[in-house]
Amino acid sequence: MPVNKPERRSKRRVPIQVPVSVKSNDGRVEESAQTRDLSTSGVFVYTSSRLEEGCELELVLVLPPEVTFAERRWVCCQASVVRVEENRKGENVGVAAVIKRFEVLPEM
């Protein structure tokens, strides 16, 4: 029988797939990825690079009107990887990160 895990997230995640630019602070990773879901406190992305827990990231993405309840917005987030999920097929890796801070950018 499955055991229900207590929810550890502080904010509700929105299931939404948007392109995201991922850059590690150590410069080893710089690529385009795809979100699975996000909130103001965290994000889950699928990436082709192997990231480790504790890795610091810069994420740049466009939040669509469905999320902002207004116009689309470019945001830059500073985040830290808290969980890595290997894909059984050996394809993309799932990465959960907590957002430490974010900044709304001017329209590009």
Protein backbone atom coordinates (compact mmCIF):
# COMPACT_ATOMS: atom_id res chain seq x y z
CA MET A 1 0.00 0.00 0.00
CA PRO A 2 1.51 3.42 -0.97
CA VAL A 3 2.44 5.73 1.86
CA ASN A 4 1.50 9.39 1.45
CA LYS A 5 4.50 11.62 1.94
CA PRO A 6 3.90 14.93 3.71
CA GLU A 7 4.11 17.95 1.40
CA ARG A 8 7.41 19.79 1.92
CA ARG A 9 6.85 22.60 -0.56
CA SER A 10 6.02 26.01 0.85
CA LYS A 11 4.22 27.19 -2.32
CA ARG A 12 1.87 25.42 -4.74
CA ARG A 13 3.60 24.27 -7.93
CA VAL A 14 1.98 25.00 -11.29
CA PRO A 15 2.41 22.27 -13.91
CA ILE A 16 3.72 24.18 -16.92
CA GLN A 17 6.28 23.44 -19.61
CA VAL A 18 8.31 26.45 -20.71
CA PRO A 19 11.83 26.70 -22.12
CA VAL A 20 14.46 27.72 -19.59
CA SER A 21 18.12 28.68 -19.90
CA VAL A 22 20.17 26.86 -17.25
CA LYS A 23 23.64 27.98 -16.25
CA SER A 24 25.63 26.57 -13.33
CA ASN A 25 27.62 29.04 -11.26
CA ASP A 26 30.77 26.95 -11.76
CA GLY A 27 30.44 27.34 -15.55
CA ARG A 28 30.28 23.59 -16.27
CA VAL A 29 26.69 23.66 -17.52
CA GLU A 30 25.08 26.13 -19.89
CA GLU A 31 22.12 24.81 -21.87
CA SER A 32 18.47 25.10 -22.75
CA ALA A 33 16.06 22.93 -20.79
CA GLN A 34 12.34 22.53 -20.15
CA THR A 35 10.35 23.06 -16.96
CA ARG A 36 7.89 20.47 -15.68
CA ASP A 37 6.43 22.70 -12.98
CA LEU A 38 7.26 25.82 -11.02
CA SER A 39 6.28 28.10 -8.16
CA THR A 40 7.71 31.24 -6.60
CA SER A 41 9.84 29.05 -4.33
CA GLY A 42 10.93 26.20 -6.60
CA VAL A 43 11.18 24.68 -10.05
CA PHE A 44 11.56 21.25 -11.63
CA VAL A 45 13.40 21.09 -14.96
CA TYR A 46 14.44 18.39 -17.38
CA THR A 47 18.04 18.85 -18.49
CA SER A 48 20.52 16.81 -20.51
CA SER A 49 23.34 17.60 -18.06
CA ARG A 50 24.06 15.75 -14.85
CA LEU A 51 23.76 18.24 -12.00
CA GLU A 52 24.47 17.47 -8.37
CA GLU A 53 22.59 18.36 -5.21
CA GLY A 54 23.83 21.67 -3.87
CA CYS A 55 24.82 22.98 -7.30
CA GLU A 56 24.01 26.69 -7.68
CA LEU A 57 22.13 27.69 -10.84
CA GLU A 58 21.00 30.73 -12.76
CA LEU A 59 17.71 30.15 -14.60
CA VAL A 60 16.24 32.52 -17.18
CA LEU A 61 12.72 31.92 -18.45
CA VAL A 62 9.57 33.63 -19.68
CA LEU A 63 6.55 33.26 -17.43
CA PRO A 64 3.38 33.11 -19.53
CA PRO A 65 0.25 35.17 -18.75
CA GLU A 66 -1.40 32.09 -17.20
CA VAL A 67 1.17 32.25 -14.42
CA THR A 68 1.59 36.02 -14.01
CA PHE A 69 -2.14 36.80 -14.44
CA ALA A 70 -0.99 39.72 -16.57
CA GLU A 71 1.56 40.01 -19.37
CA ARG A 72 4.31 37.50 -19.97
CA ARG A 73 7.43 38.26 -17.92
CA TRP A 74 11.11 37.41 -18.30
CA VAL A 75 12.61 36.34 -14.97
CA CYS A 76 16.10 35.47 -13.81
CA CYS A 77 16.28 33.11 -10.82
CA GLN A 78 19.13 32.12 -8.53
CA ALA A 79 18.47 28.56 -7.39
CA SER A 80 20.06 25.60 -5.66
CA VAL A 81 19.58 21.96 -6.69
CA VAL A 82 17.89 19.93 -3.95
CA ARG A 83 17.09 16.69 -5.82
CA VAL A 84 18.19 14.89 -8.99
CA GLU A 85 16.08 12.18 -10.63
CA GLU A 86 17.78 9.93 -13.17
CA ASN A 87 15.68 8.92 -16.16
CA ARG A 88 15.40 5.16 -16.58
CA LYS A 89 15.85 5.47 -20.34
CA GLY A 90 19.10 7.37 -19.92
CA GLU A 91 17.69 10.52 -21.49
CA ASN A 92 17.05 13.81 -19.70
CA VAL A 93 17.66 14.19 -15.99
CA GLY A 94 15.01 15.69 -13.70
CA VAL A 95 16.29 18.44 -11.42
CA ALA A 96 14.36 19.98 -8.52
CA ALA A 97 15.72 23.32 -7.32
CA VAL A 98 14.71 25.76 -4.62
CA ILE A 99 14.59 29.37 -5.80
CA LYS A 100 16.60 31.63 -3.51
CA ARG A 101 15.72 34.87 -5.29
CA PHE A 102 14.37 36.06 -8.60
CA GLU A 103 14.29 39.27 -10.56
CA VAL A 104 11.79 40.36 -13.19
CA LEU A 105 13.74 41.44 -16.27
CA PRO A 106 12.80 44.08 -18.82
CA GLU A 107 11.19 42.73 -22.00
CA MET A 108 13.83 41.38 -24.37
